[in-house]
PDB file of all heavy atoms in Angstrom:
ATOM      1  N   ASN A   1    -195.151 162.484 -37.944  1.00  0.00           N
ATOM      2  CA  ASN A   1    -195.011 161.431 -36.987  1.00  0.00           C
ATOM      3  C   ASN A   1    -193.785 161.612 -36.125  1.00  0.00           C
ATOM      4  O   ASN A   1    -193.567 161.045 -35.008  1.00  0.00           O
ATOM      5  CB  ASN A   1    -194.973 160.035 -37.543  1.00  0.00           C
ATOM      6  CG  ASN A   1    -196.323 159.664 -38.078  1.00  0.00           C
ATOM      7  OD1 ASN A   1    -197.318 160.046 -37.637  1.00  0.00           O
ATOM      8  ND2 ASN A   1    -196.304 158.889 -39.246  1.00  0.00           N
ATOM      9  N   ASP A   2    -192.791 162.511 -36.535  1.00  0.00           N
ATOM     10  CA  ASP A   2    -191.684 162.790 -35.800  1.00  0.00           C
ATOM     11  C   ASP A   2    -191.750 164.040 -34.936  1.00  0.00           C
ATOM     12  O   ASP A   2    -190.826 164.384 -34.053  1.00  0.00           O
ATOM     13  CB  ASP A   2    -190.333 163.079 -36.695  1.00  0.00           C
ATOM     14  CG  ASP A   2    -190.134 161.814 -37.525  1.00  0.00           C
ATOM     15  OD1 ASP A   2    -190.283 160.717 -37.072  1.00  0.00           O
ATOM     16  OD2 ASP A   2    -189.725 161.907 -38.735  1.00  0.00           O
ATOM     17  N   ALA A   3    -192.880 164.789 -35.011  1.00  0.00           N
ATOM     18  CA  ALA A   3    -193.118 165.958 -34.295  1.00  0.00           C
ATOM     19  C   ALA A   3    -193.385 165.693 -32.776  1.00  0.00           C
ATOM     20  O   ALA A   3    -193.992 164.682 -32.423  1.00  0.00           O
ATOM     21  CB  ALA A   3    -194.253 166.793 -34.913  1.00  0.00           C
ATOM     22  N   ASP A   4    -192.850 166.576 -31.935  1.00  0.00           N
ATOM     23  CA  ASP A   4    -193.197 166.434 -30.562  1.00  0.00           C
ATOM     24  C   ASP A   4    -194.702 166.613 -30.323  1.00  0.00           C
ATOM     25  O   ASP A   4    -195.179 165.897 -29.421  1.00  0.00           O
ATOM     26  CB  ASP A   4    -192.401 167.566 -29.689  1.00  0.00           C
ATOM     27  CG  ASP A   4    -190.990 167.307 -29.571  1.00  0.00           C
ATOM     28  OD1 ASP A   4    -190.493 166.250 -30.065  1.00  0.00           O
ATOM     29  OD2 ASP A   4    -190.336 168.182 -28.931  1.00  0.00           O
ATOM     30  N   GLU A   5    -195.301 167.411 -31.065  1.00  0.00           N
ATOM     31  CA  GLU A   5    -196.784 167.611 -30.817  1.00  0.00           C
ATOM     32  C   GLU A   5    -197.432 167.492 -32.268  1.00  0.00           C
ATOM     33  O   GLU A   5    -197.711 168.543 -32.940  1.00  0.00           O
ATOM     34  CB  GLU A   5    -197.021 169.144 -30.312  1.00  0.00           C
ATOM     35  CG  GLU A   5    -196.367 169.384 -28.991  1.00  0.00           C
ATOM     36  CD  GLU A   5    -197.079 168.658 -27.949  1.00  0.00           C
ATOM     37  OE1 GLU A   5    -198.245 168.289 -27.987  1.00  0.00           O
ATOM     38  OE2 GLU A   5    -196.509 168.475 -26.812  1.00  0.00           O
ATOM     39  N   PRO A   6    -197.707 166.305 -32.633  1.00  0.00           N
ATOM     40  CA  PRO A   6    -198.128 165.878 -33.990  1.00  0.00           C
ATOM     41  C   PRO A   6    -199.365 166.655 -34.477  1.00  0.00           C
ATOM     42  O   PRO A   6    -199.498 167.257 -35.634  1.00  0.00           O
ATOM     43  CB  PRO A   6    -198.350 164.448 -34.132  1.00  0.00           C
ATOM     44  CG  PRO A   6    -197.613 164.006 -32.880  1.00  0.00           C
ATOM     45  CD  PRO A   6    -197.513 165.050 -31.837  1.00  0.00           C
ATOM     46  N   ILE A   7    -200.381 166.748 -33.674  1.00  0.00           N
ATOM     47  CA  ILE A   7    -201.700 167.423 -34.065  1.00  0.00           C
ATOM     48  C   ILE A   7    -201.502 169.022 -34.205  1.00  0.00           C
ATOM     49  O   ILE A   7    -201.805 169.550 -35.228  1.00  0.00           O
ATOM     50  CB  ILE A   7    -202.810 167.077 -33.126  1.00  0.00           C
ATOM     51  CG1 ILE A   7    -202.939 165.656 -32.956  1.00  0.00           C
ATOM     52  CG2 ILE A   7    -204.130 167.852 -33.511  1.00  0.00           C
ATOM     53  CD1 ILE A   7    -203.358 164.893 -34.303  1.00  0.00           C
ATOM     54  N   PRO A   8    -200.956 169.697 -33.286  1.00  0.00           N
ATOM     55  CA  PRO A   8    -200.669 171.173 -33.443  1.00  0.00           C
ATOM     56  C   PRO A   8    -199.714 171.355 -34.537  1.00  0.00           C
ATOM     57  O   PRO A   8    -199.776 172.348 -35.445  1.00  0.00           O
ATOM     58  CB  PRO A   8    -200.055 171.524 -32.299  1.00  0.00           C
ATOM     59  CG  PRO A   8    -200.498 170.663 -31.226  1.00  0.00           C
ATOM     60  CD  PRO A   8    -200.668 169.339 -31.799  1.00  0.00           C
ATOM     61  N   PHE A   9    -198.781 170.486 -34.862  1.00  0.00           N
ATOM     62  CA  PHE A   9    -197.792 170.562 -35.919  1.00  0.00           C
ATOM     63  C   PHE A   9    -198.582 170.464 -37.332  1.00  0.00           C
ATOM     64  O   PHE A   9    -198.435 171.361 -38.188  1.00  0.00           O
ATOM     65  CB  PHE A   9    -196.749 169.412 -35.927  1.00  0.00           C
ATOM     66  CG  PHE A   9    -195.894 169.429 -37.026  1.00  0.00           C
ATOM     67  CD1 PHE A   9    -194.840 170.362 -37.272  1.00  0.00           C
ATOM     68  CD2 PHE A   9    -195.946 168.415 -38.062  1.00  0.00           C
ATOM     69  CE1 PHE A   9    -193.990 170.349 -38.374  1.00  0.00           C
ATOM     70  CE2 PHE A   9    -195.119 168.490 -39.234  1.00  0.00           C
ATOM     71  CZ  PHE A   9    -194.079 169.339 -39.396  1.00  0.00           C
ATOM     72  N   ILE A  10    -199.422 169.492 -37.492  1.00  0.00           N
ATOM     73  CA  ILE A  10    -200.214 169.390 -38.802  1.00  0.00           C
ATOM     74  C   ILE A  10    -201.116 170.494 -38.931  1.00  0.00           C
ATOM     75  O   ILE A  10    -201.330 170.930 -40.144  1.00  0.00           O
ATOM     76  CB  ILE A  10    -200.680 167.966 -38.972  1.00  0.00           C
ATOM     77  CG1 ILE A  10    -200.907 167.648 -40.484  1.00  0.00           C
ATOM     78  CG2 ILE A  10    -202.054 167.904 -38.190  1.00  0.00           C
ATOM     79  CD1 ILE A  10    -199.711 167.425 -41.272  1.00  0.00           C
ATOM     80  N   LYS A  11    -201.731 171.091 -37.893  1.00  0.00           N
ATOM     81  CA  LYS A  11    -202.549 172.214 -38.021  1.00  0.00           C
ATOM     82  C   LYS A  11    -201.755 173.414 -38.482  1.00  0.00           C
ATOM     83  O   LYS A  11    -202.287 174.148 -39.325  1.00  0.00           O
ATOM     84  CB  LYS A  11    -203.153 172.524 -36.683  1.00  0.00           C
ATOM     85  CG  LYS A  11    -204.369 171.594 -36.199  1.00  0.00           C
ATOM     86  CD  LYS A  11    -204.859 171.876 -34.897  1.00  0.00           C
ATOM     87  CE  LYS A  11    -205.490 173.263 -34.826  1.00  0.00           C
ATOM     88  NZ  LYS A  11    -206.062 173.658 -33.584  1.00  0.00           N
ATOM     89  N   ALA A  12    -200.574 173.583 -37.967  1.00  0.00           N
ATOM     90  CA  ALA A  12    -199.738 174.681 -38.532  1.00  0.00           C
ATOM     91  C   ALA A  12    -199.341 174.459 -39.960  1.00  0.00           C
ATOM     92  O   ALA A  12    -199.442 175.399 -40.758  1.00  0.00           O
ATOM     93  CB  ALA A  12    -198.374 174.847 -37.674  1.00  0.00           C
ATOM     94  N   VAL A  13    -198.962 173.151 -40.252  1.00  0.00           N
ATOM     95  CA  VAL A  13    -198.677 172.917 -41.782  1.00  0.00           C
ATOM     96  C   VAL A  13    -199.889 173.116 -42.645  1.00  0.00           C
ATOM     97  O   VAL A  13    -199.704 173.753 -43.749  1.00  0.00           O
ATOM     98  CB  VAL A  13    -198.310 171.500 -41.893  1.00  0.00           C
ATOM     99  CG1 VAL A  13    -198.075 171.147 -43.364  1.00  0.00           C
ATOM    100  CG2 VAL A  13    -196.940 171.245 -41.128  1.00  0.00           C
ATOM    101  N   MET A  14    -201.114 172.841 -42.242  1.00  0.00           N
ATOM    102  CA  MET A  14    -202.331 173.112 -42.971  1.00  0.00           C
ATOM    103  C   MET A  14    -202.494 174.646 -43.194  1.00  0.00           C
ATOM    104  O   MET A  14    -202.835 175.050 -44.326  1.00  0.00           O
ATOM    105  CB  MET A  14    -203.547 172.476 -42.286  1.00  0.00           C
ATOM    106  CG  MET A  14    -203.588 170.918 -42.340  1.00  0.00           C
ATOM    107  SD  MET A  14    -204.744 170.209 -41.298  1.00  0.00           S
ATOM    108  CE  MET A  14    -206.252 170.828 -41.967  1.00  0.00           C
ATOM    109  N   ALA A  15    -202.176 175.302 -42.063  1.00  0.00           N
ATOM    110  CA  ALA A  15    -202.314 176.887 -42.217  1.00  0.00           C
ATOM    111  C   ALA A  15    -201.275 177.403 -43.180  1.00  0.00           C
ATOM    112  O   ALA A  15    -201.567 178.320 -43.922  1.00  0.00           O
ATOM    113  CB  ALA A  15    -202.150 177.500 -40.987  1.00  0.00           C
ATOM    114  N   ILE A  16    -200.101 176.769 -43.213  1.00  0.00           N
ATOM    115  CA  ILE A  16    -199.066 177.161 -44.188  1.00  0.00           C
ATOM    116  C   ILE A  16    -199.447 176.880 -45.502  1.00  0.00           C
ATOM    117  O   ILE A  16    -199.237 177.743 -46.507  1.00  0.00           O
ATOM    118  CB  ILE A  16    -197.679 176.441 -43.879  1.00  0.00           C
ATOM    119  CG1 ILE A  16    -197.058 176.944 -42.553  1.00  0.00           C
ATOM    120  CG2 ILE A  16    -196.651 176.471 -45.003  1.00  0.00           C
ATOM    121  CD1 ILE A  16    -195.887 176.084 -41.947  1.00  0.00           C
ATOM    122  N   ARG A  17    -200.034 175.820 -45.825  1.00  0.00           N
ATOM    123  CA  ARG A  17    -200.506 175.413 -47.187  1.00  0.00           C
ATOM    124  C   ARG A  17    -201.617 176.351 -47.524  1.00  0.00           C
ATOM    125  O   ARG A  17    -201.600 176.823 -48.763  1.00  0.00           O
ATOM    126  CB  ARG A  17    -201.021 174.043 -47.228  1.00  0.00           C
ATOM    127  CG  ARG A  17    -199.970 172.917 -46.954  1.00  0.00           C
ATOM    128  CD  ARG A  17    -198.774 172.959 -47.821  1.00  0.00           C
ATOM    129  NE  ARG A  17    -197.778 171.963 -47.588  1.00  0.00           N
ATOM    130  CZ  ARG A  17    -196.466 172.244 -47.535  1.00  0.00           C
ATOM    131  NH1 ARG A  17    -195.936 173.444 -47.740  1.00  0.00           N
ATOM    132  NH2 ARG A  17    -195.646 171.286 -47.242  1.00  0.00           N
ATOM    133  N   ASP A  18    -202.645 176.653 -46.675  1.00  0.00           N
ATOM    134  CA  ASP A  18    -203.561 177.718 -46.978  1.00  0.00           C
ATOM    135  C   ASP A  18    -202.958 179.032 -47.352  1.00  0.00           C
ATOM    136  O   ASP A  18    -203.340 179.695 -48.404  1.00  0.00           O
ATOM    137  CB  ASP A  18    -204.492 177.901 -45.877  1.00  0.00           C
ATOM    138  CG  ASP A  18    -205.460 176.836 -45.682  1.00  0.00           C
ATOM    139  OD1 ASP A  18    -205.710 175.968 -46.685  1.00  0.00           O
ATOM    140  OD2 ASP A  18    -206.182 176.745 -44.700  1.00  0.00           O
ATOM    141  N   ALA A  19    -202.071 179.428 -46.576  1.00  0.00           N
ATOM    142  CA  ALA A  19    -201.315 180.763 -46.834  1.00  0.00           C
ATOM    143  C   ALA A  19    -200.624 180.793 -48.212  1.00  0.00           C
ATOM    144  O   ALA A  19    -200.618 181.731 -48.941  1.00  0.00           O
ATOM    145  CB  ALA A  19    -200.316 181.048 -45.764  1.00  0.00           C
ATOM    146  N   GLN A  20    -200.068 179.529 -48.568  1.00  0.00           N
ATOM    147  CA  GLN A  20    -199.326 179.549 -49.894  1.00  0.00           C
ATOM    148  C   GLN A  20    -200.302 179.681 -51.110  1.00  0.00           C
ATOM    149  O   GLN A  20    -199.992 180.202 -52.050  1.00  0.00           O
ATOM    150  CB  GLN A  20    -198.647 178.180 -50.001  1.00  0.00           C
ATOM    151  CG  GLN A  20    -197.397 178.070 -49.232  1.00  0.00           C
ATOM    152  CD  GLN A  20    -196.697 176.669 -49.230  1.00  0.00           C
ATOM    153  OE1 GLN A  20    -197.468 175.653 -49.105  1.00  0.00           O
ATOM    154  NE2 GLN A  20    -195.426 176.651 -49.403  1.00  0.00           N
ATOM    155  N   LYS A  21    -201.533 179.327 -50.782  1.00  0.00           N
ATOM    156  CA  LYS A  21    -202.698 179.528 -51.762  1.00  0.00           C
ATOM    157  C   LYS A  21    -203.346 180.754 -51.586  1.00  0.00           C
ATOM    158  O   LYS A  21    -204.346 181.040 -52.393  1.00  0.00           O
ATOM    159  CB  LYS A  21    -203.747 178.279 -51.690  1.00  0.00           C
ATOM    160  CG  LYS A  21    -203.154 176.971 -51.741  1.00  0.00           C
ATOM    161  CD  LYS A  21    -204.220 175.941 -51.536  1.00  0.00           C
ATOM    162  CE  LYS A  21    -203.588 174.502 -51.340  1.00  0.00           C
ATOM    163  NZ  LYS A  21    -204.548 173.618 -50.763  1.00  0.00           N
ATOM    164  N   GLY A  22    -202.935 181.637 -50.747  1.00  0.00           N
ATOM    165  CA  GLY A  22    -203.728 182.996 -50.505  1.00  0.00           C
ATOM    166  C   GLY A  22    -204.985 182.746 -49.700  1.00  0.00           C
ATOM    167  O   GLY A  22    -205.780 183.752 -49.794  1.00  0.00           O
ATOM    168  N   ILE A  23    -205.179 181.782 -49.047  1.00  0.00           N
ATOM    169  CA  ILE A  23    -206.362 181.491 -48.222  1.00  0.00           C
ATOM    170  C   ILE A  23    -206.108 181.973 -46.826  1.00  0.00           C
ATOM    171  O   ILE A  23    -205.232 181.364 -46.207  1.00  0.00           O
ATOM    172  CB  ILE A  23    -206.825 180.052 -48.393  1.00  0.00           C
ATOM    173  CG1 ILE A  23    -207.151 179.592 -49.863  1.00  0.00           C
ATOM    174  CG2 ILE A  23    -208.086 179.812 -47.538  1.00  0.00           C
ATOM    175  CD1 ILE A  23    -207.312 178.175 -50.046  1.00  0.00           C
ATOM    176  N   ALA A  24    -206.868 182.796 -46.339  1.00  0.00           N
ATOM    177  CA  ALA A  24    -206.747 183.087 -44.897  1.00  0.00           C
ATOM    178  C   ALA A  24    -207.310 181.939 -44.140  1.00  0.00           C
ATOM    179  O   ALA A  24    -208.556 181.601 -44.277  1.00  0.00           O
ATOM    180  CB  ALA A  24    -207.637 184.392 -44.558  1.00  0.00           C
ATOM    181  N   SER A  25    -206.572 181.363 -43.107  1.00  0.00           N
ATOM    182  CA  SER A  25    -207.102 180.189 -42.433  1.00  0.00           C
ATOM    183  C   SER A  25    -207.631 180.583 -40.994  1.00  0.00           C
ATOM    184  O   SER A  25    -208.384 179.743 -40.455  1.00  0.00           O
ATOM    185  CB  SER A  25    -205.992 179.292 -42.146  1.00  0.00           C
ATOM    186  OG  SER A  25    -204.923 179.811 -41.369  1.00  0.00           O
ATOM    187  N   GLY A  26    -207.205 181.716 -40.406  1.00  0.00           N
ATOM    188  CA  GLY A  26    -207.581 182.140 -39.115  1.00  0.00           C
ATOM    189  C   GLY A  26    -206.883 181.384 -38.058  1.00  0.00           C
ATOM    190  O   GLY A  26    -207.161 181.451 -36.907  1.00  0.00           O
ATOM    191  N   HIS A  27    -205.805 180.565 -38.608  1.00  0.00           N
ATOM    192  CA  HIS A  27    -204.901 179.759 -37.572  1.00  0.00           C
ATOM    193  C   HIS A  27    -204.238 180.720 -36.610  1.00  0.00           C
ATOM    194  O   HIS A  27    -203.643 181.771 -36.937  1.00  0.00           O
ATOM    195  CB  HIS A  27    -203.931 179.105 -38.386  1.00  0.00           C
ATOM    196  CG  HIS A  27    -203.009 178.266 -37.552  1.00  0.00           C
ATOM    197  ND1 HIS A  27    -203.281 177.021 -36.933  1.00  0.00           N
ATOM    198  CD2 HIS A  27    -201.681 178.429 -37.195  1.00  0.00           C
ATOM    199  CE1 HIS A  27    -202.213 176.626 -36.286  1.00  0.00           C
ATOM    200  NE2 HIS A  27    -201.256 177.391 -36.378  1.00  0.00           N
ATOM    201  N   LEU A  28    -204.213 180.430 -35.379  1.00  0.00           N
ATOM    202  CA  LEU A  28    -203.532 181.187 -34.394  1.00  0.00           C
ATOM    203  C   LEU A  28    -202.109 180.473 -34.063  1.00  0.00           C
ATOM    204  O   LEU A  28    -202.205 179.412 -33.590  1.00  0.00           O
ATOM    205  CB  LEU A  28    -204.261 181.313 -32.994  1.00  0.00           C
ATOM    206  CG  LEU A  28    -205.740 181.945 -33.169  1.00  0.00           C
ATOM    207  CD1 LEU A  28    -206.419 181.967 -31.824  1.00  0.00           C
ATOM    208  CD2 LEU A  28    -205.523 183.498 -33.689  1.00  0.00           C
ATOM    209  N   ALA A  29    -201.087 181.219 -34.406  1.00  0.00           N
ATOM    210  CA  ALA A  29    -199.795 180.711 -34.156  1.00  0.00           C
ATOM    211  C   ALA A  29    -199.555 180.919 -32.694  1.00  0.00           C
ATOM    212  O   ALA A  29    -199.712 181.892 -32.023  1.00  0.00           O
ATOM    213  CB  ALA A  29    -198.747 181.468 -34.864  1.00  0.00           C
ATOM    214  N   GLU A  30    -199.058 179.720 -31.943  1.00  0.00           N
ATOM    215  CA  GLU A  30    -198.776 179.795 -30.466  1.00  0.00           C
ATOM    216  C   GLU A  30    -197.411 180.141 -30.240  1.00  0.00           C
ATOM    217  O   GLU A  30    -196.531 179.423 -30.811  1.00  0.00           O
ATOM    218  CB  GLU A  30    -199.200 178.439 -29.871  1.00  0.00           C
ATOM    219  CG  GLU A  30    -200.691 178.138 -30.019  1.00  0.00           C
ATOM    220  CD  GLU A  30    -201.072 176.817 -29.365  1.00  0.00           C
ATOM    221  OE1 GLU A  30    -200.441 176.443 -28.365  1.00  0.00           O
ATOM    222  OE2 GLU A  30    -202.065 176.267 -29.865  1.00  0.00           O
ATOM    223  N   LEU A  31    -197.069 181.017 -29.388  1.00  0.00           N
ATOM    224  CA  LEU A  31    -195.748 181.394 -29.017  1.00  0.00           C
ATOM    225  C   LEU A  31    -195.753 181.312 -27.578  1.00  0.00           C
ATOM    226  O   LEU A  31    -196.559 181.946 -26.777  1.00  0.00           O
ATOM    227  CB  LEU A  31    -195.450 182.832 -29.566  1.00  0.00           C
ATOM    228  CG  LEU A  31    -195.440 182.981 -31.072  1.00  0.00           C
ATOM    229  CD1 LEU A  31    -195.232 184.394 -31.304  1.00  0.00           C
ATOM    230  CD2 LEU A  31    -194.480 182.117 -31.723  1.00  0.00           C
ATOM    231  N   ASP A  32    -194.697 180.644 -26.940  1.00  0.00           N
ATOM    232  CA  ASP A  32    -194.632 180.477 -25.615  1.00  0.00           C
ATOM    233  C   ASP A  32    -193.616 181.527 -24.962  1.00  0.00           C
ATOM    234  O   ASP A  32    -192.634 181.746 -25.589  1.00  0.00           O
ATOM    235  CB  ASP A  32    -194.123 179.114 -25.281  1.00  0.00           C
ATOM    236  CG  ASP A  32    -194.128 178.699 -23.772  1.00  0.00           C
ATOM    237  OD1 ASP A  32    -194.851 179.300 -23.057  1.00  0.00           O
ATOM    238  OD2 ASP A  32    -193.306 177.798 -23.452  1.00  0.00           O
ATOM    239  N   ALA A  33    -193.919 182.082 -23.874  1.00  0.00           N
ATOM    240  CA  ALA A  33    -193.057 182.915 -23.225  1.00  0.00           C
ATOM    241  C   ALA A  33    -191.880 182.157 -22.617  1.00  0.00           C
ATOM    242  O   ALA A  33    -192.151 180.889 -22.307  1.00  0.00           O
ATOM    243  CB  ALA A  33    -193.781 183.683 -22.064  1.00  0.00           C
ATOM    244  N   CYS A  34    -190.809 182.782 -22.333  1.00  0.00           N
ATOM    245  CA  CYS A  34    -189.740 182.042 -21.644  1.00  0.00           C
ATOM    246  C   CYS A  34    -189.793 182.367 -20.119  1.00  0.00           C
ATOM    247  O   CYS A  34    -189.352 183.319 -19.604  1.00  0.00           O
ATOM    248  CB  CYS A  34    -188.340 182.714 -22.127  1.00  0.00           C
ATOM    249  SG  CYS A  34    -188.133 182.481 -23.866  1.00  0.00           S
ATOM    250  N   ALA A  35    -190.491 181.442 -19.400  1.00  0.00           N
ATOM    251  CA  ALA A  35    -190.598 181.464 -18.086  1.00  0.00           C
ATOM    252  C   ALA A  35    -191.273 182.768 -17.580  1.00  0.00           C
ATOM    253  O   ALA A  35    -190.802 183.609 -16.940  1.00  0.00           O
ATOM    254  CB  ALA A  35    -189.302 181.319 -17.361  1.00  0.00           C
ATOM    255  N   SER A  36    -192.489 182.894 -17.990  1.00  0.00           N
ATOM    256  CA  SER A  36    -193.239 184.200 -17.843  1.00  0.00           C
ATOM    257  C   SER A  36    -193.353 184.668 -16.257  1.00  0.00           C
ATOM    258  O   SER A  36    -193.255 185.913 -16.001  1.00  0.00           O
ATOM    259  CB  SER A  36    -194.665 184.193 -18.365  1.00  0.00           C
ATOM    260  OG  SER A  36    -195.386 183.058 -17.940  1.00  0.00           O
ATOM    261  N   GLY A  37    -193.474 183.795 -15.507  1.00  0.00           N
ATOM    262  CA  GLY A  37    -193.568 184.061 -14.076  1.00  0.00           C
ATOM    263  C   GLY A  37    -192.241 184.751 -13.566  1.00  0.00           C
ATOM    264  O   GLY A  37    -192.151 185.701 -12.765  1.00  0.00           O
ATOM    265  N   LEU A  38    -191.095 184.058 -14.007  1.00  0.00           N
ATOM    266  CA  LEU A  38    -189.829 184.527 -13.695  1.00  0.00           C
ATOM    267  C   LEU A  38    -189.577 186.000 -14.387  1.00  0.00           C
ATOM    268  O   LEU A  38    -188.960 186.862 -13.749  1.00  0.00           O
ATOM    269  CB  LEU A  38    -188.825 183.617 -14.000  1.00  0.00           C
ATOM    270  CG  LEU A  38    -188.634 182.247 -13.164  1.00  0.00           C
ATOM    271  CD1 LEU A  38    -187.595 181.311 -13.808  1.00  0.00           C
ATOM    272  CD2 LEU A  38    -188.236 182.613 -11.789  1.00  0.00           C
ATOM    273  N   GLN A  39    -190.114 186.080 -15.567  1.00  0.00           N
ATOM    274  CA  GLN A  39    -190.042 187.260 -16.285  1.00  0.00           C
ATOM    275  C   GLN A  39    -190.569 188.439 -15.415  1.00  0.00           C
ATOM    276  O   GLN A  39    -190.051 189.580 -15.289  1.00  0.00           O
ATOM    277  CB  GLN A  39    -190.573 187.381 -17.635  1.00  0.00           C
ATOM    278  CG  GLN A  39    -189.809 186.501 -18.577  1.00  0.00           C
ATOM    279  CD  GLN A  39    -190.610 186.448 -19.993  1.00  0.00           C
ATOM    280  OE1 GLN A  39    -191.688 186.558 -20.087  1.00  0.00           O
ATOM    281  NE2 GLN A  39    -189.725 186.305 -21.067  1.00  0.00           N
ATOM    282  N   ILE A  40    -191.767 188.174 -14.945  1.00  0.00           N
ATOM    283  CA  ILE A  40    -192.510 189.235 -14.141  1.00  0.00           C
ATOM    284  C   ILE A  40    -191.850 189.495 -12.874  1.00  0.00           C
ATOM    285  O   ILE A  40    -191.560 190.729 -12.466  1.00  0.00           O
ATOM    286  CB  ILE A  40    -193.987 188.766 -13.762  1.00  0.00           C
ATOM    287  CG1 ILE A  40    -194.790 188.752 -15.150  1.00  0.00           C
ATOM    288  CG2 ILE A  40    -194.611 189.612 -12.750  1.00  0.00           C
ATOM    289  CD1 ILE A  40    -196.134 187.928 -14.975  1.00  0.00           C
ATOM    290  N   MET A  41    -191.219 188.508 -12.208  1.00  0.00           N
ATOM    291  CA  MET A  41    -190.438 188.808 -10.967  1.00  0.00           C
ATOM    292  C   MET A  41    -189.256 189.622 -11.296  1.00  0.00           C
ATOM    293  O   MET A  41    -188.836 190.461 -10.493  1.00  0.00           O
ATOM    294  CB  MET A  41    -190.058 187.439 -10.347  1.00  0.00           C
ATOM    295  CG  MET A  41    -191.277 186.812  -9.720  1.00  0.00           C
ATOM    296  SD  MET A  41    -191.015 185.161  -9.061  1.00  0.00           S
ATOM    297  CE  MET A  41    -189.377 185.210  -8.335  1.00  0.00           C
ATOM    298  N   ALA A  42    -188.496 189.293 -12.417  1.00  0.00           N
ATOM    299  CA  ALA A  42    -187.320 190.009 -12.882  1.00  0.00           C
ATOM    300  C   ALA A  42    -187.626 191.568 -12.937  1.00  0.00           C
ATOM    301  O   ALA A  42    -186.816 192.307 -12.569  1.00  0.00           O
ATOM    302  CB  ALA A  42    -186.704 189.471 -14.054  1.00  0.00           C
ATOM    303  N   VAL A  43    -188.807 191.786 -13.588  1.00  0.00           N
ATOM    304  CA  VAL A  43    -189.062 193.224 -13.749  1.00  0.00           C
ATOM    305  C   VAL A  43    -189.407 193.940 -12.505  1.00  0.00           C
ATOM    306  O   VAL A  43    -189.006 194.919 -12.282  1.00  0.00           O
ATOM    307  CB  VAL A  43    -190.183 193.354 -14.884  1.00  0.00           C
ATOM    308  CG1 VAL A  43    -190.832 194.722 -14.933  1.00  0.00           C
ATOM    309  CG2 VAL A  43    -189.807 192.836 -16.251  1.00  0.00           C
TER     310      VAL A  43
END
């Protein structure tokens, strides 16, 4: 309830609990780029 994104947060927690039990969950961890458009322009 304190999470910025409660539903994706609990999904990640469920995947953590599966991993602790040795169960493959298929959960995709989301990682955000740091201003990807600006990154492309910088390069």
